[in-house]
Full PDB file with SEQRES, HELIX, SHEET, SSBOND, CRYST1, ORIGX, SCALE, CONECT and MASTER records, all heavy atoms in Angstrom:
SEQRES   1 A   32  ILE PHE SER ASP TYR LEU THR ASP THR ALA ARG SER ILE          
SEQRES   2 A   32  ALA PHE LEU SER ARG LEU PRO VAL PRO SER ARG PHE PHE          
SEQRES   3 A   32  GLU GLY HIS ASP GLY ALA                                      
HELIX    1 AA1 PHE A    2  LEU A   16  1                                  15    
HELIX    2 AA2 SER A   23  PHE A   26  5                                   4    
CRYST1    1.000    1.000    1.000  90.00  90.00  90.00 P 1           1          
ORIGX1      1.000000  0.000000  0.000000        0.00000                         
ORIGX2      0.000000  1.000000  0.000000        0.00000                         
ORIGX3      0.000000  0.000000  1.000000        0.00000                         
SCALE1      1.000000  0.000000  0.000000        0.00000                         
SCALE2      0.000000  1.000000  0.000000        0.00000                         
SCALE3      0.000000  0.000000  1.000000        0.00000                         
ATOM      1  N   ILE A   1      11.020   1.849  10.062  1.00  0.00           N  
ATOM      2  CA  ILE A   1      11.177   0.673   9.212  1.00  0.00           C  
ATOM      3  C   ILE A   1       9.886  -0.139   9.209  1.00  0.00           C  
ATOM      4  O   ILE A   1       9.425  -0.588   8.150  1.00  0.00           O  
ATOM      5  CB  ILE A   1      12.360  -0.180   9.695  1.00  0.00           C  
ATOM      6  CG1 ILE A   1      13.667   0.592   9.520  1.00  0.00           C  
ATOM      7  CG2 ILE A   1      12.422  -1.487   8.933  1.00  0.00           C  
ATOM      8  CD1 ILE A   1      14.877  -0.131  10.042  1.00  0.00           C  
ATOM      9  N   PHE A   2       9.289  -0.321  10.401  1.00  0.00           N  
ATOM     10  CA  PHE A   2       8.036  -1.068  10.485  1.00  0.00           C  
ATOM     11  C   PHE A   2       6.930  -0.355   9.726  1.00  0.00           C  
ATOM     12  O   PHE A   2       6.127  -0.987   9.029  1.00  0.00           O  
ATOM     13  CB  PHE A   2       7.629  -1.250  11.952  1.00  0.00           C  
ATOM     14  CG  PHE A   2       6.299  -1.930  12.118  1.00  0.00           C  
ATOM     15  CD1 PHE A   2       6.185  -3.302  11.953  1.00  0.00           C  
ATOM     16  CD2 PHE A   2       5.159  -1.192  12.416  1.00  0.00           C  
ATOM     17  CE1 PHE A   2       4.950  -3.937  12.093  1.00  0.00           C  
ATOM     18  CE2 PHE A   2       3.928  -1.817  12.560  1.00  0.00           C  
ATOM     19  CZ  PHE A   2       3.831  -3.192  12.401  1.00  0.00           C  
ATOM     20  N   SER A   3       6.885   0.961   9.840  1.00  0.00           N  
ATOM     21  CA  SER A   3       5.874   1.747   9.143  1.00  0.00           C  
ATOM     22  C   SER A   3       6.010   1.604   7.630  1.00  0.00           C  
ATOM     23  O   SER A   3       5.010   1.464   6.907  1.00  0.00           O  
ATOM     24  CB  SER A   3       5.984   3.216   9.554  1.00  0.00           C  
ATOM     25  OG  SER A   3       5.082   4.021   8.822  1.00  0.00           O  
ATOM     26  N   ASP A   4       7.238   1.630   7.136  1.00  0.00           N  
ATOM     27  CA  ASP A   4       7.475   1.462   5.695  1.00  0.00           C  
ATOM     28  C   ASP A   4       7.047   0.074   5.231  1.00  0.00           C  
ATOM     29  O   ASP A   4       6.470  -0.080   4.144  1.00  0.00           O  
ATOM     30  CB  ASP A   4       8.962   1.680   5.378  1.00  0.00           C  
ATOM     31  CG  ASP A   4       9.370   3.132   5.512  1.00  0.00           C  
ATOM     32  OD1 ASP A   4       8.482   4.001   5.513  1.00  0.00           O  
ATOM     33  OD2 ASP A   4      10.585   3.395   5.613  1.00  0.00           O  
ATOM     34  N   TYR A   5       7.338  -0.922   6.056  1.00  0.00           N  
ATOM     35  CA  TYR A   5       6.961  -2.289   5.685  1.00  0.00           C  
ATOM     36  C   TYR A   5       5.442  -2.453   5.696  1.00  0.00           C  
ATOM     37  O   TYR A   5       4.873  -3.146   4.841  1.00  0.00           O  
ATOM     38  CB  TYR A   5       7.602  -3.297   6.634  1.00  0.00           C  
ATOM     39  CG  TYR A   5       7.451  -4.734   6.191  1.00  0.00           C  
ATOM     40  CD1 TYR A   5       8.208  -5.227   5.126  1.00  0.00           C  
ATOM     41  CD2 TYR A   5       6.556  -5.581   6.824  1.00  0.00           C  
ATOM     42  CE1 TYR A   5       8.070  -6.540   4.705  1.00  0.00           C  
ATOM     43  CE2 TYR A   5       6.408  -6.904   6.407  1.00  0.00           C  
ATOM     44  CZ  TYR A   5       7.166  -7.366   5.350  1.00  0.00           C  
ATOM     45  OH  TYR A   5       7.026  -8.660   4.932  1.00  0.00           O  
ATOM     46  N   LEU A   6       4.777  -1.829   6.654  1.00  0.00           N  
ATOM     47  CA  LEU A   6       3.320  -1.846   6.711  1.00  0.00           C  
ATOM     48  C   LEU A   6       2.733  -1.200   5.460  1.00  0.00           C  
ATOM     49  O   LEU A   6       1.771  -1.714   4.877  1.00  0.00           O  
ATOM     50  CB  LEU A   6       2.832  -1.109   7.962  1.00  0.00           C  
ATOM     51  CG  LEU A   6       1.312  -0.989   8.125  1.00  0.00           C  
ATOM     52  CD1 LEU A   6       0.681  -2.366   8.275  1.00  0.00           C  
ATOM     53  CD2 LEU A   6       0.983  -0.131   9.353  1.00  0.00           C  
ATOM     54  N   THR A   7       3.321  -0.089   5.049  1.00  0.00           N  
ATOM     55  CA  THR A   7       2.868   0.582   3.831  1.00  0.00           C  
ATOM     56  C   THR A   7       3.058  -0.315   2.617  1.00  0.00           C  
ATOM     57  O   THR A   7       2.164  -0.419   1.768  1.00  0.00           O  
ATOM     58  CB  THR A   7       3.639   1.900   3.627  1.00  0.00           C  
ATOM     59  OG1 THR A   7       3.359   2.782   4.719  1.00  0.00           O  
ATOM     60  CG2 THR A   7       3.233   2.574   2.326  1.00  0.00           C  
ATOM     61  N   ASP A   8       4.207  -0.968   2.537  1.00  0.00           N  
ATOM     62  CA  ASP A   8       4.460  -1.881   1.416  1.00  0.00           C  
ATOM     63  C   ASP A   8       3.478  -3.055   1.425  1.00  0.00           C  
ATOM     64  O   ASP A   8       3.043  -3.527   0.367  1.00  0.00           O  
ATOM     65  CB  ASP A   8       5.888  -2.412   1.464  1.00  0.00           C  
ATOM     66  CG  ASP A   8       6.907  -1.354   1.064  1.00  0.00           C  
ATOM     67  OD1 ASP A   8       6.533  -0.407   0.343  1.00  0.00           O  
ATOM     68  OD2 ASP A   8       8.078  -1.469   1.477  1.00  0.00           O  
ATOM     69  N   THR A   9       3.123  -3.532   2.614  1.00  0.00           N  
ATOM     70  CA  THR A   9       2.157  -4.626   2.714  1.00  0.00           C  
ATOM     71  C   THR A   9       0.792  -4.186   2.209  1.00  0.00           C  
ATOM     72  O   THR A   9       0.128  -4.918   1.453  1.00  0.00           O  
ATOM     73  CB  THR A   9       2.045  -5.113   4.169  1.00  0.00           C  
ATOM     74  OG1 THR A   9       3.333  -5.529   4.637  1.00  0.00           O  
ATOM     75  CG2 THR A   9       1.070  -6.275   4.278  1.00  0.00           C  
ATOM     76  N   ALA A  10       0.378  -2.998   2.604  1.00  0.00           N  
ATOM     77  CA  ALA A  10      -0.917  -2.479   2.145  1.00  0.00           C  
ATOM     78  C   ALA A  10      -0.927  -2.315   0.628  1.00  0.00           C  
ATOM     79  O   ALA A  10      -1.906  -2.670  -0.047  1.00  0.00           O  
ATOM     80  CB  ALA A  10      -1.211  -1.149   2.827  1.00  0.00           C  
ATOM     81  N   ARG A  11       0.144  -1.780   0.080  1.00  0.00           N  
ATOM     82  CA  ARG A  11       0.229  -1.606  -1.375  1.00  0.00           C  
ATOM     83  C   ARG A  11       0.262  -2.955  -2.085  1.00  0.00           C  
ATOM     84  O   ARG A  11      -0.315  -3.103  -3.174  1.00  0.00           O  
ATOM     85  CB  ARG A  11       1.462  -0.784  -1.732  1.00  0.00           C  
ATOM     86  CG  ARG A  11       1.378   0.675  -1.300  1.00  0.00           C  
ATOM     87  CD  ARG A  11       2.702   1.408  -1.497  1.00  0.00           C  
ATOM     88  NE  ARG A  11       2.602   2.814  -1.093  1.00  0.00           N  
ATOM     89  CZ  ARG A  11       3.623   3.642  -0.975  1.00  0.00           C  
ATOM     90  NH1 ARG A  11       4.855   3.199  -1.232  1.00  0.00           N  
ATOM     91  NH2 ARG A  11       3.448   4.892  -0.606  1.00  0.00           N  
ATOM     92  N   SER A  12       0.924  -3.925  -1.488  1.00  0.00           N  
ATOM     93  CA  SER A  12       0.968  -5.259  -2.076  1.00  0.00           C  
ATOM     94  C   SER A  12      -0.418  -5.890  -2.108  1.00  0.00           C  
ATOM     95  O   SER A  12      -0.804  -6.522  -3.105  1.00  0.00           O  
ATOM     96  CB  SER A  12       1.930  -6.154  -1.276  1.00  0.00           C  
ATOM     97  OG  SER A  12       3.246  -5.673  -1.332  1.00  0.00           O  
ATOM     98  N   ILE A  13      -1.162  -5.728  -1.042  1.00  0.00           N  
ATOM     99  CA  ILE A  13      -2.524  -6.269  -0.991  1.00  0.00           C  
ATOM    100  C   ILE A  13      -3.384  -5.630  -2.072  1.00  0.00           C  
ATOM    101  O   ILE A  13      -4.153  -6.308  -2.765  1.00  0.00           O  
ATOM    102  CB  ILE A  13      -3.137  -6.048   0.395  1.00  0.00           C  
ATOM    103  CG1 ILE A  13      -2.426  -6.931   1.431  1.00  0.00           C  
ATOM    104  CG2 ILE A  13      -4.641  -6.335   0.386  1.00  0.00           C  
ATOM    105  CD1 ILE A  13      -2.829  -6.642   2.856  1.00  0.00           C  
ATOM    106  N   ALA A  14      -3.239  -4.320  -2.241  1.00  0.00           N  
ATOM    107  CA  ALA A  14      -4.017  -3.620  -3.266  1.00  0.00           C  
ATOM    108  C   ALA A  14      -3.639  -4.099  -4.660  1.00  0.00           C  
ATOM    109  O   ALA A  14      -4.503  -4.218  -5.539  1.00  0.00           O  
ATOM    110  CB  ALA A  14      -3.795  -2.116  -3.153  1.00  0.00           C  
ATOM    111  N   PHE A  15      -2.359  -4.387  -4.881  1.00  0.00           N  
ATOM    112  CA  PHE A  15      -1.896  -4.821  -6.191  1.00  0.00           C  
ATOM    113  C   PHE A  15      -2.302  -6.261  -6.493  1.00  0.00           C  
ATOM    114  O   PHE A  15      -2.657  -6.589  -7.633  1.00  0.00           O  
ATOM    115  CB  PHE A  15      -0.372  -4.703  -6.267  1.00  0.00           C  
ATOM    116  CG  PHE A  15       0.220  -5.136  -7.577  1.00  0.00           C  
ATOM    117  CD1 PHE A  15       0.106  -4.337  -8.716  1.00  0.00           C  
ATOM    118  CD2 PHE A  15       0.909  -6.344  -7.684  1.00  0.00           C  
ATOM    119  CE1 PHE A  15       0.651  -4.739  -9.931  1.00  0.00           C  
ATOM    120  CE2 PHE A  15       1.452  -6.753  -8.893  1.00  0.00           C  
ATOM    121  CZ  PHE A  15       1.322  -5.946 -10.023  1.00  0.00           C  
ATOM    122  N   LEU A  16      -2.284  -7.114  -5.477  1.00  0.00           N  
ATOM    123  CA  LEU A  16      -2.494  -8.544  -5.667  1.00  0.00           C  
ATOM    124  C   LEU A  16      -3.929  -9.003  -5.457  1.00  0.00           C  
ATOM    125  O   LEU A  16      -4.233 -10.183  -5.671  1.00  0.00           O  
ATOM    126  CB  LEU A  16      -1.581  -9.329  -4.721  1.00  0.00           C  
ATOM    127  CG  LEU A  16      -0.077  -9.151  -4.913  1.00  0.00           C  
ATOM    128  CD1 LEU A  16       0.689  -9.832  -3.790  1.00  0.00           C  
ATOM    129  CD2 LEU A  16       0.361  -9.699  -6.269  1.00  0.00           C  
ATOM    130  N   SER A  17      -4.800  -8.123  -5.016  1.00  0.00           N  
ATOM    131  CA  SER A  17      -6.165  -8.542  -4.703  1.00  0.00           C  
ATOM    132  C   SER A  17      -7.155  -7.407  -4.919  1.00  0.00           C  
ATOM    133  O   SER A  17      -6.779  -6.308  -5.338  1.00  0.00           O  
ATOM    134  CB  SER A  17      -6.241  -9.011  -3.244  1.00  0.00           C  
ATOM    135  OG  SER A  17      -6.253  -7.902  -2.363  1.00  0.00           O  
ATOM    136  N   ARG A  18      -8.411  -7.694  -4.604  1.00  0.00           N  
ATOM    137  CA  ARG A  18      -9.457  -6.688  -4.661  1.00  0.00           C  
ATOM    138  C   ARG A  18      -9.874  -6.235  -3.260  1.00  0.00           C  
ATOM    139  O   ARG A  18     -10.894  -5.572  -3.098  1.00  0.00           O  
ATOM    140  CB  ARG A  18     -10.674  -7.237  -5.403  1.00  0.00           C  
ATOM    141  CG  ARG A  18     -10.443  -7.394  -6.898  1.00  0.00           C  
ATOM    142  CD  ARG A  18     -11.694  -7.802  -7.620  1.00  0.00           C  
ATOM    143  NE  ARG A  18     -11.520  -7.782  -9.063  1.00  0.00           N  
ATOM    144  CZ  ARG A  18     -12.465  -8.127  -9.936  1.00  0.00           C  
ATOM    145  NH1 ARG A  18     -13.651  -8.528  -9.497  1.00  0.00           N  
ATOM    146  NH2 ARG A  18     -12.234  -8.072 -11.229  1.00  0.00           N  
ATOM    147  N   LEU A  19      -9.112  -6.607  -2.269  1.00  0.00           N  
ATOM    148  CA  LEU A  19      -9.414  -6.187  -0.909  1.00  0.00           C  
ATOM    149  C   LEU A  19      -9.229  -4.671  -0.794  1.00  0.00           C  
ATOM    150  O   LEU A  19      -8.270  -4.117  -1.322  1.00  0.00           O  
ATOM    151  CB  LEU A  19      -8.499  -6.901   0.091  1.00  0.00           C  
ATOM    152  CG  LEU A  19      -8.684  -8.416   0.193  1.00  0.00           C  
ATOM    153  CD1 LEU A  19      -7.640  -9.015   1.109  1.00  0.00           C  
ATOM    154  CD2 LEU A  19     -10.095  -8.756   0.692  1.00  0.00           C  
ATOM    155  N   PRO A  20     -10.139  -3.977  -0.100  1.00  0.00           N  
ATOM    156  CA  PRO A  20     -10.030  -2.516   0.025  1.00  0.00           C  
ATOM    157  C   PRO A  20      -8.846  -2.111   0.900  1.00  0.00           C  
ATOM    158  O   PRO A  20      -8.586  -2.718   1.938  1.00  0.00           O  
ATOM    159  CB  PRO A  20     -11.364  -2.130   0.676  1.00  0.00           C  
ATOM    160  CG  PRO A  20     -11.804  -3.357   1.414  1.00  0.00           C  
ATOM    161  CD  PRO A  20     -11.342  -4.517   0.583  1.00  0.00           C  
ATOM    162  N   VAL A  21      -8.130  -1.101   0.454  1.00  0.00           N  
ATOM    163  CA  VAL A  21      -6.970  -0.579   1.182  1.00  0.00           C  
ATOM    164  C   VAL A  21      -7.139   0.928   1.310  1.00  0.00           C  
ATOM    165  O   VAL A  21      -7.452   1.592   0.316  1.00  0.00           O  
ATOM    166  CB  VAL A  21      -5.656  -0.906   0.444  1.00  0.00           C  
ATOM    167  CG1 VAL A  21      -4.460  -0.263   1.146  1.00  0.00           C  
ATOM    168  CG2 VAL A  21      -5.464  -2.411   0.330  1.00  0.00           C  
ATOM    169  N   PRO A  22      -6.954   1.499   2.510  1.00  0.00           N  
ATOM    170  CA  PRO A  22      -7.113   2.957   2.687  1.00  0.00           C  
ATOM    171  C   PRO A  22      -6.233   3.762   1.733  1.00  0.00           C  
ATOM    172  O   PRO A  22      -5.081   3.402   1.464  1.00  0.00           O  
ATOM    173  CB  PRO A  22      -6.698   3.173   4.145  1.00  0.00           C  
ATOM    174  CG  PRO A  22      -6.964   1.857   4.814  1.00  0.00           C  
ATOM    175  CD  PRO A  22      -6.645   0.814   3.777  1.00  0.00           C  
ATOM    176  N   SER A  23      -6.774   4.848   1.234  1.00  0.00           N  
ATOM    177  CA  SER A  23      -6.066   5.673   0.237  1.00  0.00           C  
ATOM    178  C   SER A  23      -4.803   6.327   0.800  1.00  0.00           C  
ATOM    179  O   SER A  23      -3.904   6.694   0.042  1.00  0.00           O  
ATOM    180  CB  SER A  23      -7.004   6.751  -0.300  1.00  0.00           C  
ATOM    181  OG  SER A  23      -7.462   7.588   0.752  1.00  0.00           O  
ATOM    182  N   ARG A  24      -4.713   6.451   2.119  1.00  0.00           N  
ATOM    183  CA  ARG A  24      -3.540   7.121   2.699  1.00  0.00           C  
ATOM    184  C   ARG A  24      -2.241   6.377   2.402  1.00  0.00           C  
ATOM    185  O   ARG A  24      -1.151   6.977   2.427  1.00  0.00           O  
ATOM    186  CB  ARG A  24      -3.720   7.269   4.211  1.00  0.00           C  
ATOM    187  CG  ARG A  24      -3.805   5.971   4.978  1.00  0.00           C  
ATOM    188  CD  ARG A  24      -4.090   6.237   6.456  1.00  0.00           C  
ATOM    189  NE  ARG A  24      -4.251   5.030   7.236  1.00  0.00           N  
ATOM    190  CZ  ARG A  24      -3.242   4.350   7.780  1.00  0.00           C  
ATOM    191  NH1 ARG A  24      -2.000   4.801   7.630  1.00  0.00           N  
ATOM    192  NH2 ARG A  24      -3.450   3.253   8.478  1.00  0.00           N  
ATOM    193  N   PHE A  25      -2.336   5.098   2.098  1.00  0.00           N  
ATOM    194  CA  PHE A  25      -1.128   4.327   1.794  1.00  0.00           C  
ATOM    195  C   PHE A  25      -0.578   4.646   0.401  1.00  0.00           C  
ATOM    196  O   PHE A  25       0.525   4.211   0.057  1.00  0.00           O  
ATOM    197  CB  PHE A  25      -1.409   2.828   1.895  1.00  0.00           C  
ATOM    198  CG  PHE A  25      -1.603   2.339   3.305  1.00  0.00           C  
ATOM    199  CD1 PHE A  25      -2.862   1.999   3.771  1.00  0.00           C  
ATOM    200  CD2 PHE A  25      -0.529   2.243   4.168  1.00  0.00           C  
ATOM    201  CE1 PHE A  25      -3.046   1.551   5.068  1.00  0.00           C  
ATOM    202  CE2 PHE A  25      -0.694   1.808   5.479  1.00  0.00           C  
ATOM    203  CZ  PHE A  25      -1.967   1.457   5.926  1.00  0.00           C  
ATOM    204  N   PHE A  26      -1.330   5.393  -0.397  1.00  0.00           N  
ATOM    205  CA  PHE A  26      -0.910   5.680  -1.761  1.00  0.00           C  
ATOM    206  C   PHE A  26      -0.630   7.154  -2.002  1.00  0.00           C  
ATOM    207  O   PHE A  26      -0.350   7.553  -3.122  1.00  0.00           O  
ATOM    208  CB  PHE A  26      -1.983   5.190  -2.739  1.00  0.00           C  
ATOM    209  CG  PHE A  26      -2.290   3.723  -2.594  1.00  0.00           C  
ATOM    210  CD1 PHE A  26      -3.345   3.310  -1.803  1.00  0.00           C  
ATOM    211  CD2 PHE A  26      -1.499   2.776  -3.208  1.00  0.00           C  
ATOM    212  CE1 PHE A  26      -3.620   1.959  -1.650  1.00  0.00           C  
ATOM    213  CE2 PHE A  26      -1.764   1.428  -3.061  1.00  0.00           C  
ATOM    214  CZ  PHE A  26      -2.829   1.019  -2.276  1.00  0.00           C  
ATOM    215  N   GLU A  27      -0.681   7.944  -0.942  1.00  0.00           N  
ATOM    216  CA  GLU A  27      -0.401   9.373  -1.086  1.00  0.00           C  
ATOM    217  C   GLU A  27       1.054   9.589  -1.473  1.00  0.00           C  
ATOM    218  O   GLU A  27       1.976   9.139  -0.803  1.00  0.00           O  
ATOM    219  CB  GLU A  27      -0.716  10.105   0.226  1.00  0.00           C  
ATOM    220  CG  GLU A  27      -2.208  10.099   0.567  1.00  0.00           C  
ATOM    221  CD  GLU A  27      -2.477  10.727   1.926  1.00  0.00           C  
ATOM    222  OE1 GLU A  27      -1.509  11.116   2.609  1.00  0.00           O  
ATOM    223  OE2 GLU A  27      -3.667  10.805   2.314  1.00  0.00           O  
ATOM    224  N   GLY A  28       1.269  10.256  -2.610  1.00  0.00           N  
ATOM    225  CA  GLY A  28       2.612  10.517  -3.099  1.00  0.00           C  
ATOM    226  C   GLY A  28       3.298   9.328  -3.725  1.00  0.00           C  
ATOM    227  O   GLY A  28       4.489   9.407  -4.064  1.00  0.00           O  
ATOM    228  N   HIS A  29       2.573   8.226  -3.908  1.00  0.00           N  
ATOM    229  CA  HIS A  29       3.182   7.019  -4.483  1.00  0.00           C  
ATOM    230  C   HIS A  29       3.103   7.067  -6.004  1.00  0.00           C  
ATOM    231  O   HIS A  29       2.063   7.414  -6.574  1.00  0.00           O  
ATOM    232  CB  HIS A  29       2.450   5.784  -3.966  1.00  0.00           C  
ATOM    233  CG  HIS A  29       3.016   4.487  -4.446  1.00  0.00           C  
ATOM    234  ND1 HIS A  29       4.360   4.191  -4.378  1.00  0.00           N  
ATOM    235  CD2 HIS A  29       2.424   3.402  -5.015  1.00  0.00           C  
ATOM    236  CE1 HIS A  29       4.567   2.978  -4.862  1.00  0.00           C  
ATOM    237  NE2 HIS A  29       3.414   2.481  -5.266  1.00  0.00           N  
ATOM    238  N   ASP A  30       4.200   6.725  -6.684  1.00  0.00           N  
ATOM    239  CA  ASP A  30       4.250   6.805  -8.144  1.00  0.00           C  
ATOM    240  C   ASP A  30       3.840   5.508  -8.829  1.00  0.00           C  
ATOM    241  O   ASP A  30       3.887   5.401 -10.060  1.00  0.00           O  
ATOM    242  CB  ASP A  30       5.649   7.210  -8.608  1.00  0.00           C  
ATOM    243  CG  ASP A  30       6.719   6.207  -8.178  1.00  0.00           C  
ATOM    244  OD1 ASP A  30       6.373   5.187  -7.541  1.00  0.00           O  
ATOM    245  OD2 ASP A  30       7.907   6.446  -8.487  1.00  0.00           O  
ATOM    246  N   GLY A  31       3.438   4.513  -8.047  1.00  0.00           N  
ATOM    247  CA  GLY A  31       3.006   3.246  -8.620  1.00  0.00           C  
ATOM    248  C   GLY A  31       4.107   2.213  -8.776  1.00  0.00           C  
ATOM    249  O   GLY A  31       3.838   1.067  -9.139  1.00  0.00           O  
ATOM    250  N   ALA A  32       5.357   2.586  -8.509  1.00  0.00           N  
ATOM    251  CA  ALA A  32       6.465   1.636  -8.628  1.00  0.00           C  
ATOM    252  C   ALA A  32       6.378   0.568  -7.532  1.00  0.00           C  
ATOM    253  O   ALA A  32       5.968   0.849  -6.407  1.00  0.00           O  
ATOM    254  CB  ALA A  32       7.795   2.361  -8.542  1.00  0.00           C  
TER     255      ALA A  32                                                      
MASTER        0    0    0    2    0    0    0    6  254    1    0    3          
END                                                                             
C-alpha cells in the first residue's frame, strides 16, 4: 500500500510540476 502511494505521489509531482521524476514510476502506466 505504501509503495502504491509513493508511486502515486511521484506521478502526481510529474503531472503538477516540472520537477524530474524517475521513469520507473511510469512503467506500464496508461496515463490515467
